[in-house]
N, C-alpha and C. Protein backbone atom coordinates (compact mmCIF):
# COMPACT_ATOMS: atom_id res chain seq x y z
N MET A 1 104.47 107.98 133.09
CA MET A 1 104.07 108.04 131.76
C MET A 1 104.14 109.31 130.56
N VAL A 2 104.05 110.36 131.67
CA VAL A 2 104.61 111.59 131.14
C VAL A 2 106.26 111.62 130.46
N GLN A 3 106.93 111.33 131.22
CA GLN A 3 108.09 111.22 130.83
C GLN A 3 108.46 110.50 129.40
N TYR A 4 107.80 109.14 129.27
CA TYR A 4 107.81 108.24 128.22
C TYR A 4 107.24 108.96 126.87
N LEU A 5 106.02 109.80 127.15
CA LEU A 5 105.57 110.52 126.25
C LEU A 5 106.64 111.70 125.54
N THR A 6 107.21 112.30 126.32
CA THR A 6 107.98 113.48 126.41
C THR A 6 109.41 112.72 125.65
N ILE A 7 109.96 111.46 125.71
CA ILE A 7 110.93 110.95 125.10
C ILE A 7 110.26 110.55 123.61
N LEU A 8 109.35 109.74 123.59
CA LEU A 8 108.59 109.60 122.55
C LEU A 8 108.67 110.80 121.36
N LEU A 9 108.22 111.75 122.06
CA LEU A 9 108.02 113.07 121.17
C LEU A 9 109.41 113.72 120.69
N ASN A 10 110.26 113.39 121.69
CA ASN A 10 111.84 114.11 121.01
C ASN A 10 112.24 113.34 120.03
N VAL A 11 111.93 111.78 120.09
CA VAL A 11 112.49 111.02 119.32
C VAL A 11 111.91 111.18 118.13
N SER A 12 110.50 111.58 117.87
CA SER A 12 109.89 111.91 116.55
C SER A 12 110.46 112.80 115.94
N GLN A 13 110.45 114.05 116.88
CA GLN A 13 110.86 115.25 116.45
C GLN A 13 112.40 114.93 115.65
N ALA A 14 113.18 114.31 116.29
CA ALA A 14 114.48 113.93 115.98
C ALA A 14 114.63 113.26 114.60
N ARG A 15 113.56 112.41 114.39
CA ARG A 15 113.45 111.42 113.39
C ARG A 15 112.91 112.54 112.06
N LEU A 16 112.11 113.24 112.48
CA LEU A 16 111.65 114.35 111.59
C LEU A 16 112.62 115.23 110.65
N ASP A 17 113.61 115.84 111.83
CA ASP A 17 114.81 116.74 111.70
C ASP A 17 115.74 115.67 110.59
N LEU A 18 115.82 114.55 110.94
CA LEU A 18 116.85 113.66 110.10
C LEU A 18 116.11 113.62 108.35
N LEU A 19 114.81 113.53 108.68
CA LEU A 19 114.40 113.15 107.53
C LEU A 19 114.01 114.65 106.67
N PHE A 20 113.65 115.59 107.01
CA PHE A 20 113.71 116.74 106.33
C PHE A 20 114.94 117.24 105.76
N ARG A 21 116.00 116.93 106.71
CA ARG A 21 117.35 117.56 106.39
C ARG A 21 117.77 116.54 105.07
N ALA A 22 117.42 115.34 105.13
CA ALA A 22 118.01 114.42 103.96
C ALA A 22 117.26 114.98 102.91
N LEU A 23 115.79 115.37 102.97
CA LEU A 23 115.02 115.75 101.74
C LEU A 23 115.31 117.24 101.22
N GLY A 24 116.04 117.54 102.16
CA GLY A 24 116.53 119.25 101.67
C GLY A 24 117.46 119.06 100.82
N ASP A 25 118.00 118.56 100.23
CA ASP A 25 119.19 118.38 99.39
C ASP A 25 118.62 117.74 97.76
N ARG A 26 118.72 118.56 96.71
CA ARG A 26 118.28 118.26 95.51
C ARG A 26 118.79 116.90 94.93
N THR A 27 120.19 116.53 95.48
CA THR A 27 120.77 115.33 94.81
C THR A 27 120.04 114.30 95.57
N ARG A 28 119.84 114.32 97.18
CA ARG A 28 119.14 113.23 97.58
C ARG A 28 117.71 112.81 97.08
N ARG A 29 117.10 113.77 96.82
CA ARG A 29 116.00 113.87 96.21
C ARG A 29 115.81 113.19 94.90
N LYS A 30 116.77 113.24 94.01
CA LYS A 30 116.95 112.90 92.59
C LYS A 30 117.33 111.37 93.10
N LEU A 31 118.08 110.97 94.05
CA LEU A 31 118.57 109.66 94.39
C LEU A 31 117.46 108.63 94.97
N ILE A 32 116.29 109.63 95.70
CA ILE A 32 115.26 108.92 96.09
C ILE A 32 114.28 108.61 94.91
N ALA A 33 114.12 109.35 93.88
CA ALA A 33 113.42 109.31 92.40
C ALA A 33 113.93 108.11 91.68
N ARG A 34 115.24 108.01 91.83
CA ARG A 34 115.85 106.98 91.20
C ARG A 34 115.38 105.49 91.76
N LEU A 35 115.46 105.55 92.95
CA LEU A 35 115.55 104.36 93.82
C LEU A 35 113.92 104.10 93.82
N ALA A 36 112.77 105.00 93.67
CA ALA A 36 111.29 104.42 93.34
C ALA A 36 111.25 103.69 92.26
N ASP A 37 112.36 103.78 91.27
CA ASP A 37 112.15 102.85 89.88
C ASP A 37 112.59 101.37 90.34
N GLY A 38 113.27 101.13 91.31
CA GLY A 38 113.88 100.04 91.56
C GLY A 38 115.01 99.96 92.31
N PRO A 39 115.80 98.86 93.08
CA PRO A 39 117.00 98.87 93.78
C PRO A 39 118.07 99.09 92.56
N ALA A 40 119.13 99.79 93.23
CA ALA A 40 120.36 99.95 92.22
C ALA A 40 121.57 99.80 93.18
N THR A 41 122.58 99.54 92.59
CA THR A 41 123.84 99.59 93.01
C THR A 41 124.36 101.48 93.24
N VAL A 42 125.35 101.52 94.34
CA VAL A 42 125.68 102.70 94.55
C VAL A 42 126.49 103.25 92.96
N THR A 43 127.29 102.48 92.24
CA THR A 43 127.68 102.83 91.04
C THR A 43 126.67 103.32 90.07
N GLU A 44 125.49 102.70 90.00
CA GLU A 44 124.50 102.81 89.09
C GLU A 44 123.62 104.28 89.34
N LEU A 45 123.72 104.18 90.83
CA LEU A 45 122.94 105.76 91.52
C LEU A 45 124.05 106.86 90.81
N ALA A 46 125.35 106.43 90.90
CA ALA A 46 126.48 107.76 90.82
C ALA A 46 126.51 107.97 89.04
N GLU A 47 126.15 107.32 88.35
CA GLU A 47 126.09 107.23 86.83
C GLU A 47 125.59 108.73 86.58
N PRO A 48 124.34 109.42 86.78
CA PRO A 48 124.20 110.71 86.14
C PRO A 48 124.56 111.84 86.83
N PHE A 49 125.41 111.63 88.00
CA PHE A 49 125.86 113.12 88.70
C PHE A 49 127.58 113.04 88.47
N ALA A 50 127.84 114.26 88.36
CA ALA A 50 129.54 114.82 88.18
C ALA A 50 129.75 114.69 89.64
N MET A 51 129.90 113.57 90.33
CA MET A 51 130.34 113.48 91.78
C MET A 51 130.92 112.09 91.60
N SER A 52 132.05 112.15 92.63
CA SER A 52 132.69 111.04 93.02
C SER A 52 131.63 109.85 93.76
N LEU A 53 132.07 108.48 93.72
CA LEU A 53 131.42 107.61 94.25
C LEU A 53 131.49 107.85 95.93
N PRO A 54 132.51 108.29 96.71
CA PRO A 54 132.67 108.65 97.98
C PRO A 54 131.46 109.64 98.16
N ALA A 55 131.58 110.68 97.44
CA ALA A 55 130.64 111.76 97.62
C ALA A 55 128.70 111.32 97.82
N ILE A 56 128.62 110.25 96.76
CA ILE A 56 127.55 109.79 96.63
C ILE A 56 127.23 108.74 97.82
N SER A 57 128.18 108.02 97.94
CA SER A 57 127.95 107.40 99.28
C SER A 57 127.54 108.07 100.48
N ARG A 58 128.44 109.28 100.82
CA ARG A 58 127.95 110.22 101.72
C ARG A 58 126.56 110.63 101.70
N HIS A 59 125.87 110.83 100.22
CA HIS A 59 124.26 111.47 100.69
C HIS A 59 123.67 110.04 100.99
N ILE A 60 124.08 108.80 100.42
CA ILE A 60 123.06 107.55 100.55
C ILE A 60 123.05 107.23 102.06
N ARG A 61 124.57 107.74 102.84
CA ARG A 61 124.17 107.41 104.20
C ARG A 61 123.51 108.37 105.02
N VAL A 62 123.21 109.52 104.38
CA VAL A 62 122.29 110.54 104.81
C VAL A 62 120.79 109.90 105.20
N LEU A 63 120.61 109.41 103.60
CA LEU A 63 119.47 108.81 103.48
C LEU A 63 119.09 107.42 104.33
N GLU A 64 120.22 106.88 104.78
CA GLU A 64 120.09 105.79 105.32
C GLU A 64 119.47 106.12 106.88
N ARG A 65 120.23 106.89 107.20
CA ARG A 65 120.21 107.54 108.63
C ARG A 65 118.52 108.18 108.94
N ALA A 66 118.22 108.84 107.73
CA ALA A 66 116.93 109.09 107.85
C ALA A 66 115.62 108.17 107.58
N GLY A 67 116.25 106.89 107.60
CA GLY A 67 115.12 105.93 107.06
C GLY A 67 114.62 105.97 106.06
N LEU A 68 115.16 106.42 104.71
CA LEU A 68 114.53 106.32 103.46
C LEU A 68 115.17 105.17 102.60
N VAL A 69 116.36 104.80 102.84
CA VAL A 69 117.13 104.12 102.00
C VAL A 69 117.76 102.87 102.86
N SER A 70 117.58 101.57 102.45
CA SER A 70 118.26 100.58 102.76
C SER A 70 119.55 100.14 101.92
N ARG A 71 120.50 99.73 102.46
CA ARG A 71 121.96 99.24 101.84
C ARG A 71 122.04 97.63 102.14
N ARG A 72 122.27 96.83 101.21
CA ARG A 72 122.88 95.44 101.29
C ARG A 72 124.34 95.35 100.57
N ILE A 73 125.30 94.92 101.10
CA ILE A 73 126.51 94.69 100.81
C ILE A 73 126.82 93.54 100.43
N GLU A 74 127.29 93.14 99.03
CA GLU A 74 128.08 91.97 98.75
C GLU A 74 129.29 92.08 98.31
N GLY A 75 129.98 91.61 98.93
CA GLY A 75 131.48 92.06 98.61
C GLY A 75 131.70 93.43 98.76
N ARG A 76 132.32 93.73 97.25
CA ARG A 76 132.37 95.30 97.11
C ARG A 76 131.25 96.36 96.49
N VAL A 77 129.93 95.25 96.17
CA VAL A 77 129.07 95.97 95.62
C VAL A 77 127.81 96.49 96.59
N HIS A 78 127.46 97.61 96.73
CA HIS A 78 126.52 98.23 97.74
C HIS A 78 125.23 98.02 96.87
N HIS A 79 124.22 97.50 97.30
CA HIS A 79 122.89 97.56 96.61
C HIS A 79 122.09 98.28 97.48
N CYS A 80 121.57 99.34 96.79
CA CYS A 80 120.52 100.32 97.54
C CYS A 80 119.06 100.10 96.95
N ALA A 81 118.38 100.21 98.00
CA ALA A 81 116.73 100.02 97.91
C ALA A 81 115.73 101.48 98.67
N LEU A 82 115.10 101.46 98.00
CA LEU A 82 114.07 102.73 98.56
C LEU A 82 113.19 101.97 100.01
N ASP A 83 112.99 102.68 100.90
CA ASP A 83 112.45 102.05 102.04
C ASP A 83 111.05 102.85 102.11
N PRO A 84 110.26 102.10 101.50
CA PRO A 84 108.87 102.86 101.28
C PRO A 84 108.40 103.43 102.89
N GLN A 85 108.72 102.90 104.09
CA GLN A 85 108.02 103.05 105.19
C GLN A 85 108.90 104.52 105.91
N GLY A 86 110.07 104.73 105.24
CA GLY A 86 110.80 105.98 105.63
C GLY A 86 110.20 107.33 105.64
N LEU A 87 109.18 107.20 104.57
CA LEU A 87 108.20 108.69 104.68
C LEU A 87 107.30 108.90 105.30
N GLY A 88 106.87 107.73 106.25
CA GLY A 88 105.76 107.67 107.07
C GLY A 88 105.66 108.47 108.48
N ALA A 89 107.02 109.09 108.72
CA ALA A 89 106.94 110.05 109.73
C ALA A 89 106.54 111.52 108.97
N ALA A 90 106.82 111.63 107.91
CA ALA A 90 106.73 113.05 107.25
C ALA A 90 105.35 112.94 106.96
N GLU A 91 104.99 111.87 106.50
CA GLU A 91 103.04 111.90 106.06
C GLU A 91 102.46 111.87 107.13
N ALA A 92 102.67 111.57 108.18
CA ALA A 92 102.13 111.78 109.49
C ALA A 92 101.77 113.14 109.91
N TRP A 93 103.08 113.91 109.84
CA TRP A 93 103.27 115.06 110.24
C TRP A 93 102.59 116.15 109.13
N LEU A 94 102.69 115.85 107.87
CA LEU A 94 101.66 116.44 107.10
C LEU A 94 100.62 116.58 106.88
N GLU A 95 99.96 115.05 107.53
CA GLU A 95 98.57 114.97 107.49
C GLU A 95 98.00 115.77 108.43
N GLN A 96 98.46 116.37 109.83
CA GLN A 96 98.20 116.78 110.65
C GLN A 96 97.92 118.45 110.11
N TYR A 97 98.79 118.95 109.22
CA TYR A 97 98.48 120.44 108.94
C TYR A 97 97.28 120.39 107.78
N ARG A 98 97.55 119.00 106.90
CA ARG A 98 96.32 119.20 105.94
C ARG A 98 94.84 118.90 106.47
N ARG A 99 94.67 118.46 107.39
CA ARG A 99 93.21 118.31 108.28
C ARG A 99 93.16 120.16 108.72
N PHE A 100 94.32 120.72 109.30
CA PHE A 100 94.11 121.86 109.59
C PHE A 100 93.46 122.76 108.55
N TRP A 101 94.29 122.67 107.33
CA TRP A 101 93.86 123.62 106.16
C TRP A 101 92.69 123.21 105.55
N GLU A 102 92.30 122.08 105.68
CA GLU A 102 90.78 121.60 105.07
C GLU A 102 90.09 122.12 105.89
N GLY A 103 90.12 121.97 107.32
CA GLY A 103 89.13 122.61 108.27
C GLY A 103 88.90 124.09 107.92
N GLN A 104 89.91 124.77 107.40
CA GLN A 104 90.12 126.37 107.36
C GLN A 104 89.26 126.36 106.19
N LEU A 105 89.57 125.58 105.11
CA LEU A 105 88.93 125.93 103.75
C LEU A 105 87.32 125.62 103.85
N ARG A 106 87.09 124.64 104.46
CA ARG A 106 85.66 124.44 104.64
C ARG A 106 84.98 125.41 105.48
N ALA A 107 85.43 126.25 106.32
CA ALA A 107 84.79 127.46 107.18
C ALA A 107 84.86 128.60 106.48
N LEU A 108 85.69 128.63 105.60
CA LEU A 108 85.87 129.64 104.79
C LEU A 108 84.72 129.71 103.41
N ALA A 109 84.42 128.25 103.09
CA ALA A 109 83.47 128.00 102.07
C ALA A 109 82.14 128.15 103.00
N ARG A 110 81.93 127.99 104.07
CA ARG A 110 80.75 128.31 104.81
C ARG A 110 80.64 129.69 104.93
N TYR A 111 81.32 130.24 105.00
CA TYR A 111 81.25 132.07 105.39
C TYR A 111 80.86 132.42 103.76
N ILE A 112 81.45 131.91 102.89
CA ILE A 112 81.25 132.63 101.62
C ILE A 112 79.89 132.41 101.14
N GLU A 113 79.44 130.78 101.57
CA GLU A 113 78.19 130.65 101.11
C GLU A 113 76.97 131.33 102.14
N ARG A 114 77.34 131.85 103.42
CA ARG A 114 76.22 132.78 104.02
C ARG A 114 76.35 134.17 103.59
N SER A 115 77.41 134.61 102.71
CA SER A 115 77.41 135.78 102.72
C SER A 115 76.50 136.40 101.67
């Protein structure tokens, strides 16, 4: 059981590494923001950027590996969509720290009220 939990924790950590690495790039964050408005083709995603389609495709592959984007291929057209569950791992990780800081702020408020 302990070995299973260790493997699960390592997988989760590896997933977080992929996720935060993907989010660490401004272009990829812009692609995610665009896909939040709805699905788009790679060509449509590339329009506002001064970079080649292969470069945009590399960014999309990083987002796919991180679980943030899904891609469907019809012939030569690649359709991309935001995977709303992709941010779940980051949300869960951040939630731990939100609870911590809320607890710290409540303790500070109690301290100030007593002073």
